[in-house]
N, C-alpha and C. Protein backbone atom coordinates (compact mmCIF):
# COMPACT_ATOMS: atom_id res chain seq x y z
N MET A 1 33.21 82.36 -20.16
CA MET A 1 32.66 81.03 -19.90
C MET A 1 31.35 81.15 -19.11
N PRO A 2 30.33 80.39 -19.51
CA PRO A 2 29.06 80.46 -18.77
C PRO A 2 29.22 79.89 -17.37
N THR A 3 28.53 80.48 -16.42
CA THR A 3 28.56 79.99 -15.05
C THR A 3 27.54 78.87 -14.88
N ALA A 4 27.63 78.15 -13.76
CA ALA A 4 26.68 77.07 -13.49
C ALA A 4 25.26 77.62 -13.43
N THR A 5 25.10 78.79 -12.83
CA THR A 5 23.77 79.39 -12.72
C THR A 5 23.23 79.80 -14.09
N SER A 6 24.10 80.36 -14.92
CA SER A 6 23.64 80.79 -16.24
C SER A 6 23.24 79.61 -17.11
N GLN A 7 23.89 78.45 -16.94
CA GLN A 7 23.52 77.26 -17.70
C GLN A 7 22.14 76.76 -17.29
N SER A 8 21.89 76.77 -15.99
CA SER A 8 20.56 76.36 -15.51
C SER A 8 19.50 77.35 -15.97
N ARG A 9 19.83 78.62 -15.91
CA ARG A 9 18.88 79.66 -16.32
C ARG A 9 18.58 79.57 -17.81
N ALA A 10 19.59 79.25 -18.61
CA ALA A 10 19.39 79.12 -20.05
C ALA A 10 18.43 77.97 -20.36
N TRP A 11 18.54 76.87 -19.60
CA TRP A 11 17.62 75.74 -19.80
C TRP A 11 16.19 76.15 -19.50
N LEU A 12 16.00 76.91 -18.43
CA LEU A 12 14.67 77.39 -18.07
C LEU A 12 14.13 78.37 -19.10
N ASP A 13 15.00 79.23 -19.61
CA ASP A 13 14.57 80.20 -20.63
C ASP A 13 14.13 79.49 -21.90
N ASP A 14 14.80 78.40 -22.25
CA ASP A 14 14.48 77.67 -23.48
C ASP A 14 13.26 76.76 -23.32
N LEU A 15 12.83 76.52 -22.09
CA LEU A 15 11.69 75.64 -21.85
C LEU A 15 10.42 76.30 -22.39
N PRO A 16 9.63 75.60 -23.20
CA PRO A 16 8.40 76.20 -23.75
C PRO A 16 7.41 76.56 -22.64
N GLY A 17 6.62 77.58 -22.89
CA GLY A 17 5.57 77.94 -21.94
C GLY A 17 4.54 76.85 -21.83
N GLY A 18 3.98 76.68 -20.64
CA GLY A 18 2.98 75.66 -20.41
C GLY A 18 3.56 74.33 -19.98
N GLU A 19 4.89 74.23 -19.86
CA GLU A 19 5.53 72.97 -19.47
C GLU A 19 5.60 72.83 -17.95
N PHE A 20 5.56 71.58 -17.50
CA PHE A 20 5.78 71.24 -16.10
C PHE A 20 7.10 70.49 -16.01
N PHE A 21 7.81 70.66 -14.91
CA PHE A 21 9.10 69.99 -14.80
C PHE A 21 9.47 69.80 -13.33
N PHE A 22 10.31 68.79 -13.10
CA PHE A 22 10.86 68.55 -11.78
C PHE A 22 12.18 69.29 -11.64
N ALA A 23 12.50 69.70 -10.43
CA ALA A 23 13.77 70.38 -10.19
C ALA A 23 14.94 69.51 -10.63
N SER A 24 14.79 68.21 -10.51
CA SER A 24 15.86 67.28 -10.88
C SER A 24 16.14 67.27 -12.38
N GLU A 25 15.21 67.80 -13.19
CA GLU A 25 15.41 67.84 -14.63
C GLU A 25 16.26 69.03 -15.07
N VAL A 26 16.35 70.04 -14.24
CA VAL A 26 17.13 71.23 -14.59
C VAL A 26 18.60 70.90 -14.50
N PRO A 27 19.38 71.12 -15.56
CA PRO A 27 20.81 70.80 -15.51
C PRO A 27 21.55 71.65 -14.49
N GLY A 28 22.48 71.03 -13.82
CA GLY A 28 23.27 71.74 -12.82
C GLY A 28 23.22 71.06 -11.47
N ARG A 29 24.10 71.47 -10.60
CA ARG A 29 24.15 70.92 -9.26
C ARG A 29 22.92 71.37 -8.46
N SER A 30 22.49 70.52 -7.54
CA SER A 30 21.34 70.84 -6.72
C SER A 30 21.57 72.13 -5.93
N SER A 31 22.80 72.35 -5.50
CA SER A 31 23.12 73.56 -4.72
C SER A 31 22.98 74.83 -5.55
N VAL A 32 22.95 74.68 -6.88
CA VAL A 32 22.75 75.82 -7.77
C VAL A 32 21.30 75.92 -8.20
N VAL A 33 20.72 74.78 -8.56
CA VAL A 33 19.37 74.77 -9.12
C VAL A 33 18.32 75.17 -8.09
N ARG A 34 18.39 74.61 -6.90
CA ARG A 34 17.35 74.89 -5.90
C ARG A 34 17.26 76.36 -5.52
N PRO A 35 18.37 77.05 -5.22
CA PRO A 35 18.24 78.49 -4.93
C PRO A 35 17.73 79.29 -6.12
N LEU A 36 18.14 78.88 -7.34
CA LEU A 36 17.67 79.58 -8.53
C LEU A 36 16.16 79.45 -8.68
N LEU A 37 15.63 78.25 -8.55
CA LEU A 37 14.20 78.04 -8.66
C LEU A 37 13.44 78.75 -7.54
N SER A 38 13.99 78.72 -6.36
CA SER A 38 13.34 79.41 -5.24
C SER A 38 13.26 80.90 -5.50
N ARG A 39 14.31 81.46 -6.05
CA ARG A 39 14.35 82.90 -6.33
C ARG A 39 13.40 83.25 -7.46
N LEU A 40 13.40 82.46 -8.51
CA LEU A 40 12.53 82.76 -9.65
C LEU A 40 11.05 82.60 -9.30
N SER A 41 10.70 81.54 -8.56
CA SER A 41 9.29 81.30 -8.24
C SER A 41 8.75 82.33 -7.25
N ALA A 42 9.64 83.01 -6.53
CA ALA A 42 9.20 84.04 -5.59
C ALA A 42 9.02 85.40 -6.27
N ASP A 43 9.50 85.52 -7.49
CA ASP A 43 9.42 86.77 -8.24
C ASP A 43 8.13 86.79 -9.05
N GLU A 44 7.25 87.74 -8.78
CA GLU A 44 5.96 87.81 -9.47
C GLU A 44 6.11 88.06 -10.97
N ARG A 45 7.26 88.59 -11.38
CA ARG A 45 7.49 88.85 -12.81
C ARG A 45 8.02 87.63 -13.55
N SER A 46 8.37 86.60 -12.81
CA SER A 46 8.95 85.41 -13.42
C SER A 46 7.86 84.45 -13.90
N PRO A 47 8.08 83.78 -15.02
CA PRO A 47 7.11 82.78 -15.50
C PRO A 47 7.23 81.44 -14.77
N ILE A 48 8.23 81.28 -13.92
CA ILE A 48 8.43 80.02 -13.20
C ILE A 48 7.55 80.02 -11.95
N HIS A 49 6.75 78.96 -11.81
CA HIS A 49 5.82 78.86 -10.68
C HIS A 49 6.03 77.54 -9.95
N ARG A 50 6.10 77.59 -8.64
CA ARG A 50 6.27 76.39 -7.82
C ARG A 50 4.91 75.78 -7.53
N GLU A 51 4.69 74.54 -8.00
CA GLU A 51 3.44 73.84 -7.75
C GLU A 51 3.49 73.13 -6.40
N MET A 52 4.60 72.51 -6.09
CA MET A 52 4.86 71.89 -4.80
C MET A 52 6.36 71.64 -4.72
N GLN A 53 6.82 71.14 -3.62
CA GLN A 53 8.25 70.93 -3.45
C GLN A 53 8.82 70.06 -4.57
N GLY A 54 9.79 70.63 -5.29
CA GLY A 54 10.47 69.90 -6.34
C GLY A 54 9.75 69.84 -7.67
N PHE A 55 8.57 70.47 -7.78
CA PHE A 55 7.76 70.39 -9.00
C PHE A 55 7.31 71.79 -9.39
N TYR A 56 7.60 72.17 -10.65
CA TYR A 56 7.39 73.54 -11.10
C TYR A 56 6.68 73.57 -12.46
N SER A 57 6.23 74.77 -12.82
CA SER A 57 5.63 74.99 -14.14
C SER A 57 6.13 76.31 -14.69
N LYS A 58 6.00 76.43 -16.01
CA LYS A 58 6.36 77.69 -16.67
C LYS A 58 5.15 78.23 -17.40
N LEU A 59 4.87 79.49 -17.22
CA LEU A 59 3.69 80.10 -17.82
C LEU A 59 3.82 80.18 -19.33
N TRP A 60 2.66 80.31 -19.98
CA TRP A 60 2.67 80.44 -21.43
C TRP A 60 3.35 81.73 -21.87
N HIS A 61 3.08 82.82 -21.16
CA HIS A 61 3.64 84.12 -21.51
C HIS A 61 4.21 84.77 -20.26
N GLU A 62 5.34 85.38 -20.40
CA GLU A 62 5.99 85.98 -19.24
C GLU A 62 5.15 87.10 -18.63
N ALA A 63 4.25 87.67 -19.42
CA ALA A 63 3.42 88.76 -18.91
C ALA A 63 2.24 88.25 -18.08
N ASP A 64 1.98 86.95 -18.12
CA ASP A 64 0.87 86.39 -17.36
C ASP A 64 1.14 86.48 -15.87
N GLU A 65 0.07 86.47 -15.07
CA GLU A 65 0.27 86.42 -13.64
C GLU A 65 0.86 85.06 -13.26
N PRO A 66 1.56 84.98 -12.13
CA PRO A 66 2.32 83.76 -11.82
C PRO A 66 1.45 82.58 -11.38
N ARG A 67 0.75 82.01 -12.31
CA ARG A 67 -0.01 80.80 -12.06
C ARG A 67 -0.25 80.12 -13.40
N VAL A 68 -0.59 78.85 -13.38
CA VAL A 68 -0.87 78.12 -14.60
C VAL A 68 -2.38 77.97 -14.74
N PRO A 69 -2.95 78.24 -15.92
CA PRO A 69 -4.39 78.07 -16.10
C PRO A 69 -4.84 76.67 -15.73
N TYR A 70 -6.06 76.56 -15.25
CA TYR A 70 -6.60 75.29 -14.74
C TYR A 70 -6.48 74.17 -15.76
N ALA A 71 -6.83 74.45 -17.00
CA ALA A 71 -6.83 73.39 -18.01
C ALA A 71 -5.44 72.81 -18.21
N ASP A 72 -4.39 73.62 -18.10
CA ASP A 72 -3.04 73.13 -18.29
C ASP A 72 -2.63 72.14 -17.22
N ARG A 73 -3.27 72.18 -16.09
CA ARG A 73 -2.87 71.31 -14.99
C ARG A 73 -3.24 69.85 -15.22
N VAL A 74 -4.09 69.60 -16.18
CA VAL A 74 -4.33 68.20 -16.59
C VAL A 74 -3.02 67.59 -17.05
N TYR A 75 -2.27 68.33 -17.85
CA TYR A 75 -1.00 67.82 -18.36
C TYR A 75 0.07 67.82 -17.27
N GLY A 76 -0.07 68.72 -16.31
CA GLY A 76 0.81 68.65 -15.14
C GLY A 76 0.55 67.38 -14.34
N SER A 77 -0.71 66.99 -14.24
CA SER A 77 -1.05 65.75 -13.54
C SER A 77 -0.51 64.54 -14.27
N LEU A 78 -0.54 64.57 -15.60
CA LEU A 78 0.03 63.47 -16.38
C LEU A 78 1.53 63.40 -16.17
N LYS A 79 2.17 64.55 -16.03
CA LYS A 79 3.62 64.57 -15.74
C LYS A 79 3.89 63.90 -14.41
N LEU A 80 3.08 64.21 -13.40
CA LEU A 80 3.23 63.59 -12.09
C LEU A 80 2.93 62.10 -12.14
N ALA A 81 1.96 61.71 -12.95
CA ALA A 81 1.59 60.30 -13.04
C ALA A 81 2.73 59.46 -13.58
N GLY A 82 3.53 60.03 -14.47
CA GLY A 82 4.70 59.33 -14.98
C GLY A 82 4.36 58.24 -15.99
N PRO A 83 5.34 57.41 -16.35
CA PRO A 83 5.11 56.32 -17.31
C PRO A 83 3.99 55.39 -16.84
N GLY A 84 3.11 55.03 -17.74
CA GLY A 84 2.00 54.16 -17.39
C GLY A 84 0.82 54.89 -16.79
N GLY A 85 0.88 56.24 -16.76
CA GLY A 85 -0.21 57.02 -16.20
C GLY A 85 -1.16 57.53 -17.26
N GLY A 86 -2.39 57.83 -16.87
CA GLY A 86 -3.39 58.37 -17.79
C GLY A 86 -4.66 58.71 -17.06
N GLY A 87 -5.63 59.23 -17.79
CA GLY A 87 -6.91 59.55 -17.19
C GLY A 87 -7.63 58.31 -16.70
N ALA A 88 -8.49 58.47 -15.70
CA ALA A 88 -9.19 57.33 -15.11
C ALA A 88 -10.63 57.70 -14.79
N SER A 89 -11.43 56.69 -14.52
CA SER A 89 -12.80 56.82 -14.04
C SER A 89 -13.63 57.73 -14.96
N GLY A 90 -14.48 58.57 -14.35
CA GLY A 90 -15.35 59.43 -15.13
C GLY A 90 -14.60 60.42 -15.99
N PHE A 91 -13.40 60.80 -15.54
CA PHE A 91 -12.59 61.74 -16.34
C PHE A 91 -12.17 61.10 -17.66
N ALA A 92 -11.75 59.83 -17.62
CA ALA A 92 -11.37 59.13 -18.84
C ALA A 92 -12.57 59.02 -19.78
N LEU A 93 -13.73 58.68 -19.24
CA LEU A 93 -14.94 58.58 -20.05
C LEU A 93 -15.29 59.91 -20.71
N ASN A 94 -15.22 60.98 -19.93
CA ASN A 94 -15.55 62.30 -20.47
C ASN A 94 -14.53 62.76 -21.49
N TRP A 95 -13.26 62.47 -21.25
CA TRP A 95 -12.20 62.90 -22.15
C TRP A 95 -12.37 62.27 -23.53
N LEU A 96 -12.79 61.02 -23.56
CA LEU A 96 -13.02 60.33 -24.83
C LEU A 96 -14.38 60.67 -25.45
N GLY A 97 -15.24 61.33 -24.66
CA GLY A 97 -16.56 61.67 -25.16
C GLY A 97 -17.59 60.59 -24.96
N TRP A 98 -17.29 59.63 -24.10
CA TRP A 98 -18.20 58.50 -23.89
C TRP A 98 -19.26 58.78 -22.83
N THR A 99 -19.15 59.88 -22.14
CA THR A 99 -20.19 60.33 -21.21
C THR A 99 -20.29 61.84 -21.32
N LEU A 100 -21.49 62.35 -21.11
CA LEU A 100 -21.70 63.80 -21.14
C LEU A 100 -21.53 64.41 -19.76
N GLN A 101 -21.38 63.58 -18.75
CA GLN A 101 -21.19 64.07 -17.40
C GLN A 101 -19.76 64.59 -17.24
N HIS A 102 -19.64 65.81 -16.73
CA HIS A 102 -18.32 66.40 -16.51
C HIS A 102 -17.93 66.20 -15.05
N PRO A 103 -16.85 65.47 -14.77
CA PRO A 103 -16.49 65.19 -13.37
C PRO A 103 -16.06 66.45 -12.64
N CYS A 104 -16.40 66.53 -11.36
CA CYS A 104 -15.97 67.68 -10.55
C CYS A 104 -14.51 67.54 -10.15
N ARG A 105 -13.99 66.30 -10.19
CA ARG A 105 -12.56 66.07 -9.95
C ARG A 105 -12.01 65.22 -11.08
N TYR A 106 -10.75 65.38 -11.33
CA TYR A 106 -10.10 64.61 -12.39
C TYR A 106 -9.30 63.47 -11.76
N ASP A 107 -9.56 62.26 -12.26
CA ASP A 107 -8.90 61.07 -11.75
C ASP A 107 -7.83 60.61 -12.73
N PHE A 108 -6.73 60.11 -12.17
CA PHE A 108 -5.62 59.62 -12.97
C PHE A 108 -5.16 58.28 -12.42
N ALA A 109 -4.87 57.36 -13.31
CA ALA A 109 -4.33 56.05 -12.92
C ALA A 109 -2.82 56.09 -13.02
N VAL A 110 -2.14 55.48 -12.07
CA VAL A 110 -0.68 55.41 -12.07
C VAL A 110 -0.26 53.98 -11.80
N VAL A 111 0.93 53.63 -12.26
CA VAL A 111 1.51 52.33 -11.96
C VAL A 111 2.36 52.48 -10.70
N GLY A 112 2.00 51.75 -9.67
CA GLY A 112 2.76 51.85 -8.42
C GLY A 112 2.17 52.89 -7.48
N ARG A 113 3.01 53.42 -6.65
CA ARG A 113 2.58 54.35 -5.60
C ARG A 113 2.09 55.67 -6.17
N PRO A 114 0.88 56.11 -5.82
CA PRO A 114 0.37 57.39 -6.33
C PRO A 114 1.20 58.56 -5.82
N PRO A 115 1.46 59.55 -6.67
CA PRO A 115 2.20 60.72 -6.23
C PRO A 115 1.34 61.64 -5.37
N THR A 116 1.99 62.53 -4.66
CA THR A 116 1.27 63.58 -3.94
C THR A 116 0.70 64.57 -4.95
N SER A 117 -0.55 64.96 -4.76
CA SER A 117 -1.18 65.90 -5.68
C SER A 117 -1.10 67.32 -5.12
N PRO A 118 -0.59 68.27 -5.91
CA PRO A 118 -0.56 69.66 -5.45
C PRO A 118 -1.89 70.37 -5.64
N TRP A 119 -2.85 69.69 -6.30
CA TRP A 119 -4.13 70.32 -6.62
C TRP A 119 -5.28 69.48 -6.08
N LYS A 120 -6.29 70.14 -5.53
CA LYS A 120 -7.43 69.44 -4.96
C LYS A 120 -8.25 68.71 -6.02
N PHE A 121 -8.22 69.19 -7.25
CA PHE A 121 -9.08 68.59 -8.27
C PHE A 121 -8.51 67.28 -8.80
N ALA A 122 -7.22 67.00 -8.57
CA ALA A 122 -6.58 65.82 -9.16
C ALA A 122 -6.42 64.72 -8.12
N ARG A 123 -6.89 63.52 -8.47
CA ARG A 123 -6.73 62.34 -7.61
C ARG A 123 -6.01 61.26 -8.39
N PHE A 124 -5.13 60.55 -7.71
CA PHE A 124 -4.34 59.50 -8.35
C PHE A 124 -4.68 58.15 -7.74
N HIS A 125 -4.80 57.15 -8.60
CA HIS A 125 -5.20 55.81 -8.17
C HIS A 125 -4.18 54.79 -8.64
N ARG A 126 -3.84 53.88 -7.75
CA ARG A 126 -2.80 52.89 -8.02
C ARG A 126 -3.33 51.75 -8.89
N ARG A 127 -2.53 51.37 -9.87
CA ARG A 127 -2.79 50.20 -10.69
C ARG A 127 -1.56 49.30 -10.63
N SER A 128 -1.78 47.98 -10.68
CA SER A 128 -0.69 47.04 -10.47
C SER A 128 -0.11 46.46 -11.76
N ASN A 129 -0.75 46.70 -12.90
CA ASN A 129 -0.30 46.12 -14.16
C ASN A 129 0.93 46.87 -14.69
N LYS A 130 2.11 46.28 -14.52
CA LYS A 130 3.34 46.94 -14.96
C LYS A 130 3.49 46.97 -16.47
N SER A 131 2.68 46.21 -17.18
CA SER A 131 2.70 46.27 -18.65
C SER A 131 2.23 47.63 -19.15
N ARG A 132 1.52 48.35 -18.29
CA ARG A 132 1.07 49.69 -18.68
C ARG A 132 2.23 50.67 -18.85
N LEU A 133 3.39 50.33 -18.31
CA LEU A 133 4.54 51.22 -18.43
C LEU A 133 4.93 51.44 -19.89
N GLY A 134 4.55 50.52 -20.75
CA GLY A 134 4.84 50.65 -22.16
C GLY A 134 3.77 51.37 -22.95
N LEU A 135 2.71 51.83 -22.27
CA LEU A 135 1.61 52.52 -22.94
C LEU A 135 1.78 54.04 -22.85
N SER A 136 1.23 54.73 -23.83
CA SER A 136 1.16 56.19 -23.75
C SER A 136 0.04 56.58 -22.80
N TRP A 137 0.03 57.85 -22.38
CA TRP A 137 -1.03 58.32 -21.49
C TRP A 137 -2.41 58.19 -22.15
N ALA A 138 -2.47 58.36 -23.47
CA ALA A 138 -3.74 58.23 -24.19
C ALA A 138 -4.21 56.79 -24.18
N GLU A 139 -3.29 55.85 -24.34
CA GLU A 139 -3.65 54.43 -24.32
C GLU A 139 -4.13 54.01 -22.94
N VAL A 140 -3.48 54.52 -21.90
CA VAL A 140 -3.94 54.23 -20.54
C VAL A 140 -5.33 54.80 -20.32
N THR A 141 -5.58 55.99 -20.84
CA THR A 141 -6.89 56.61 -20.70
C THR A 141 -7.96 55.77 -21.39
N LEU A 142 -7.65 55.19 -22.53
CA LEU A 142 -8.60 54.32 -23.22
C LEU A 142 -8.88 53.07 -22.39
N VAL A 143 -7.83 52.45 -21.86
CA VAL A 143 -8.01 51.26 -21.02
C VAL A 143 -8.88 51.59 -19.81
N GLU A 144 -8.62 52.74 -19.20
CA GLU A 144 -9.37 53.14 -18.01
C GLU A 144 -10.82 53.48 -18.35
N ALA A 145 -11.05 54.04 -19.52
CA ALA A 145 -12.43 54.33 -19.94
C ALA A 145 -13.22 53.04 -20.12
N VAL A 146 -12.58 52.04 -20.71
CA VAL A 146 -13.23 50.74 -20.84
C VAL A 146 -13.49 50.14 -19.47
N ARG A 147 -12.53 50.29 -18.57
CA ARG A 147 -12.65 49.76 -17.20
C ARG A 147 -13.82 50.39 -16.45
N ALA A 148 -14.05 51.70 -16.70
CA ALA A 148 -15.09 52.43 -15.97
C ALA A 148 -16.42 52.48 -16.70
N PHE A 149 -16.48 51.94 -17.91
CA PHE A 149 -17.69 52.07 -18.71
C PHE A 149 -18.89 51.45 -17.99
N GLY A 150 -19.97 52.24 -17.90
CA GLY A 150 -21.18 51.78 -17.24
C GLY A 150 -21.30 52.22 -15.79
N ILE A 151 -20.19 52.70 -15.20
CA ILE A 151 -20.25 53.18 -13.82
C ILE A 151 -21.04 54.48 -13.75
N LEU A 152 -20.81 55.36 -14.71
CA LEU A 152 -21.57 56.60 -14.83
C LEU A 152 -22.52 56.47 -16.02
N GLU A 153 -23.32 57.49 -16.22
CA GLU A 153 -24.21 57.50 -17.38
C GLU A 153 -23.36 57.63 -18.64
N CYS A 154 -23.37 56.61 -19.47
CA CYS A 154 -22.52 56.57 -20.67
C CYS A 154 -23.36 56.52 -21.94
N LEU A 155 -22.72 56.81 -23.05
CA LEU A 155 -23.35 56.58 -24.34
C LEU A 155 -23.53 55.07 -24.53
N PRO A 156 -24.38 54.65 -25.44
CA PRO A 156 -24.43 53.23 -25.78
C PRO A 156 -23.06 52.77 -26.27
N TRP A 157 -22.69 51.53 -25.99
CA TRP A 157 -21.37 51.02 -26.35
C TRP A 157 -21.10 51.15 -27.85
N ASP A 158 -22.11 50.88 -28.68
CA ASP A 158 -21.94 51.01 -30.12
C ASP A 158 -21.58 52.44 -30.51
N ALA A 159 -22.19 53.42 -29.83
CA ALA A 159 -21.89 54.82 -30.13
C ALA A 159 -20.46 55.17 -29.73
N ALA A 160 -20.01 54.62 -28.60
CA ALA A 160 -18.63 54.85 -28.17
C ALA A 160 -17.65 54.27 -29.18
N MET A 161 -17.96 53.09 -29.71
CA MET A 161 -17.08 52.48 -30.71
C MET A 161 -17.09 53.27 -32.02
N ASP A 162 -18.23 53.84 -32.36
CA ASP A 162 -18.29 54.68 -33.56
C ASP A 162 -17.40 55.91 -33.41
N MET A 163 -17.30 56.44 -32.19
CA MET A 163 -16.44 57.59 -31.95
C MET A 163 -14.97 57.22 -32.13
N LEU A 164 -14.61 55.99 -31.78
CA LEU A 164 -13.24 55.53 -32.01
C LEU A 164 -12.98 55.32 -33.50
N ARG A 165 -13.91 54.69 -34.18
CA ARG A 165 -13.72 54.40 -35.62
C ARG A 165 -13.57 55.69 -36.43
N SER A 166 -14.34 56.70 -36.05
CA SER A 166 -14.32 57.96 -36.79
C SER A 166 -13.17 58.87 -36.38
N GLY A 167 -12.50 58.55 -35.26
CA GLY A 167 -11.40 59.38 -34.78
C GLY A 167 -11.83 60.50 -33.86
N VAL A 168 -13.12 60.60 -33.55
CA VAL A 168 -13.61 61.68 -32.68
C VAL A 168 -12.99 61.57 -31.29
N SER A 169 -12.97 60.37 -30.72
CA SER A 169 -12.39 60.20 -29.38
C SER A 169 -10.91 60.53 -29.38
N GLN A 170 -10.19 60.13 -30.43
CA GLN A 170 -8.76 60.42 -30.50
C GLN A 170 -8.50 61.92 -30.54
N HIS A 171 -9.32 62.64 -31.31
CA HIS A 171 -9.14 64.08 -31.40
C HIS A 171 -9.52 64.79 -30.10
N ARG A 172 -10.44 64.22 -29.36
CA ARG A 172 -10.79 64.81 -28.07
C ARG A 172 -9.61 64.73 -27.10
N LEU A 173 -8.80 63.71 -27.22
CA LEU A 173 -7.62 63.59 -26.36
C LEU A 173 -6.62 64.70 -26.67
N GLY A 174 -6.53 65.11 -27.93
CA GLY A 174 -5.72 66.26 -28.27
C GLY A 174 -4.32 65.95 -28.73
N VAL A 175 -3.49 66.99 -28.74
CA VAL A 175 -2.13 66.92 -29.25
C VAL A 175 -1.32 65.88 -28.48
N GLY A 176 -0.58 65.07 -29.20
CA GLY A 176 0.29 64.09 -28.58
C GLY A 176 -0.36 62.76 -28.27
N ALA A 177 -1.65 62.61 -28.60
CA ALA A 177 -2.34 61.35 -28.32
C ALA A 177 -1.88 60.27 -29.28
N VAL A 178 -1.46 59.14 -28.76
CA VAL A 178 -1.01 58.01 -29.57
C VAL A 178 -1.76 56.77 -29.10
N LEU A 179 -2.37 56.05 -30.04
CA LEU A 179 -3.09 54.81 -29.74
C LEU A 179 -2.59 53.72 -30.67
N ARG A 180 -1.96 52.71 -30.09
CA ARG A 180 -1.38 51.61 -30.87
C ARG A 180 -2.10 50.31 -30.54
N GLN A 181 -2.58 49.66 -31.56
CA GLN A 181 -3.34 48.43 -31.37
C GLN A 181 -2.49 47.34 -30.71
N ASP A 182 -1.25 47.15 -31.20
CA ASP A 182 -0.42 46.07 -30.67
C ASP A 182 -0.05 46.28 -29.21
N ALA A 183 0.26 47.53 -28.84
CA ALA A 183 0.62 47.83 -27.46
C ALA A 183 -0.56 47.62 -26.51
N LEU A 184 -1.75 48.01 -26.95
CA LEU A 184 -2.95 47.85 -26.14
C LEU A 184 -3.27 46.38 -25.92
N LEU A 185 -3.13 45.58 -26.96
CA LEU A 185 -3.41 44.15 -26.82
C LEU A 185 -2.42 43.48 -25.88
N ALA A 186 -1.15 43.88 -25.96
CA ALA A 186 -0.13 43.29 -25.09
C ALA A 186 -0.40 43.62 -23.63
N ALA A 187 -0.77 44.87 -23.35
CA ALA A 187 -1.04 45.28 -21.98
C ALA A 187 -2.34 44.66 -21.47
N ALA A 188 -3.32 44.50 -22.36
CA ALA A 188 -4.61 43.94 -21.96
C ALA A 188 -4.48 42.54 -21.41
N ALA A 189 -3.51 41.79 -21.93
CA ALA A 189 -3.32 40.41 -21.48
C ALA A 189 -2.94 40.33 -20.01
N ASP A 190 -2.38 41.42 -19.47
CA ASP A 190 -1.95 41.44 -18.06
C ASP A 190 -2.94 42.15 -17.14
N GLU A 191 -4.10 42.53 -17.66
CA GLU A 191 -5.15 43.11 -16.82
C GLU A 191 -5.96 41.95 -16.23
N ARG A 192 -5.32 41.18 -15.38
CA ARG A 192 -5.89 39.91 -14.94
C ARG A 192 -7.02 40.05 -13.91
N SER A 193 -7.09 41.17 -13.21
CA SER A 193 -8.09 41.31 -12.16
C SER A 193 -9.44 41.79 -12.68
N GLN A 194 -9.54 42.03 -13.99
CA GLN A 194 -10.76 42.57 -14.56
C GLN A 194 -11.70 41.46 -15.02
N PRO A 195 -13.00 41.72 -14.99
CA PRO A 195 -13.97 40.70 -15.44
C PRO A 195 -13.90 40.47 -16.94
N ARG A 196 -14.53 39.41 -17.38
CA ARG A 196 -14.51 39.04 -18.80
C ARG A 196 -15.08 40.16 -19.66
N GLU A 197 -16.12 40.84 -19.16
CA GLU A 197 -16.75 41.92 -19.93
C GLU A 197 -15.74 43.00 -20.28
N PHE A 198 -14.82 43.29 -19.35
CA PHE A 198 -13.79 44.30 -19.62
C PHE A 198 -12.92 43.87 -20.80
N HIS A 199 -12.48 42.63 -20.81
CA HIS A 199 -11.60 42.15 -21.87
C HIS A 199 -12.32 42.11 -23.22
N VAL A 200 -13.60 41.77 -23.20
CA VAL A 200 -14.38 41.77 -24.44
C VAL A 200 -14.48 43.19 -24.99
N ARG A 201 -14.81 44.13 -24.11
CA ARG A 201 -14.96 45.52 -24.55
C ARG A 201 -13.63 46.12 -24.99
N LEU A 202 -12.55 45.81 -24.29
CA LEU A 202 -11.25 46.33 -24.70
C LEU A 202 -10.87 45.77 -26.06
N GLY A 203 -11.20 44.50 -26.30
CA GLY A 203 -10.96 43.93 -27.62
C GLY A 203 -11.76 44.65 -28.69
N ASP A 204 -13.01 44.99 -28.37
CA ASP A 204 -13.84 45.76 -29.30
C ASP A 204 -13.19 47.12 -29.61
N ALA A 205 -12.70 47.78 -28.55
CA ALA A 205 -12.11 49.10 -28.71
C ALA A 205 -10.86 49.05 -29.57
N VAL A 206 -10.03 48.04 -29.36
CA VAL A 206 -8.81 47.92 -30.15
C VAL A 206 -9.15 47.66 -31.62
N GLN A 207 -10.13 46.82 -31.86
CA GLN A 207 -10.54 46.53 -33.23
C GLN A 207 -11.16 47.75 -33.90
N ALA A 208 -11.76 48.64 -33.10
CA ALA A 208 -12.39 49.83 -33.65
C ALA A 208 -11.37 50.89 -34.08
N LEU A 209 -10.16 50.81 -33.55
CA LEU A 209 -9.14 51.79 -33.92
C LEU A 209 -8.76 51.63 -35.39
N PRO A 210 -8.67 52.72 -36.13
CA PRO A 210 -8.33 52.64 -37.56
C PRO A 210 -6.83 52.50 -37.77
N GLY A 211 -6.16 51.65 -37.03
CA GLY A 211 -4.71 51.48 -37.16
C GLY A 211 -3.98 52.43 -36.23
N PRO A 212 -2.64 52.45 -36.24
CA PRO A 212 -1.85 53.35 -35.38
C PRO A 212 -2.27 54.80 -35.64
N VAL A 213 -2.55 55.51 -34.56
CA VAL A 213 -3.07 56.88 -34.69
C VAL A 213 -2.21 57.83 -33.90
N ALA A 214 -1.74 58.90 -34.52
CA ALA A 214 -1.01 59.97 -33.83
C ALA A 214 -1.71 61.29 -34.17
N ILE A 215 -2.16 61.99 -33.16
CA ILE A 215 -2.92 63.22 -33.38
C ILE A 215 -1.96 64.39 -33.42
N ALA A 216 -1.97 65.11 -34.55
CA ALA A 216 -1.06 66.24 -34.70
C ALA A 216 -1.67 67.54 -34.18
N SER A 217 -2.99 67.61 -34.14
CA SER A 217 -3.64 68.82 -33.63
C SER A 217 -4.97 68.44 -33.04
N SER A 218 -5.46 69.29 -32.13
CA SER A 218 -6.71 68.99 -31.43
C SER A 218 -7.89 69.56 -32.17
N ALA A 219 -8.95 68.78 -32.24
CA ALA A 219 -10.19 69.27 -32.86
C ALA A 219 -11.23 69.54 -31.79
N ALA A 220 -10.81 69.42 -30.49
CA ALA A 220 -11.75 69.63 -29.41
C ALA A 220 -12.08 71.10 -29.28
């Protein structure tokens, strides 16, 4: 019969490389899981890495040194952001290709209280619209890009819309990006604190989408 420790270990072994997870997601009692994670993250040969208390990552390859590459931590930040979270500010604009400026820090919008960030490059900002909980991270990133448009040096608005129509912005978001017109319109109605220009532009963006879009692979 498998032991409690072996069941937790099997879950970690089956976890794909590059994934981020909370200790609470590992099956098993806390009295079993916590010592196991502590032991594995302290072993330089282990692919399990502790990002902060209760939050871990698994390396792509067990032979890698015990850290996660910088680029992967964007998705770790999205994991921390939780439902209704996505890219924000200049990061959202750059991610969609609407600005050529590359931010020195990555901003993320969250619904409710911002989480603690284990990385200096990631900042989390509170948003009050609970309708965003029904949006994907890509949809939140689109809303935030519209919200921030014009704050930094951006492409002309028509050029940004052309990138949506052609699917370039969607492909820049990468694997797992989902943009739904109906969900965006429903959430937009509850963005009450934004000026009229925001709602006009978000309407333009939704109309520019070529229908429900799910990206199977990244062209970035």
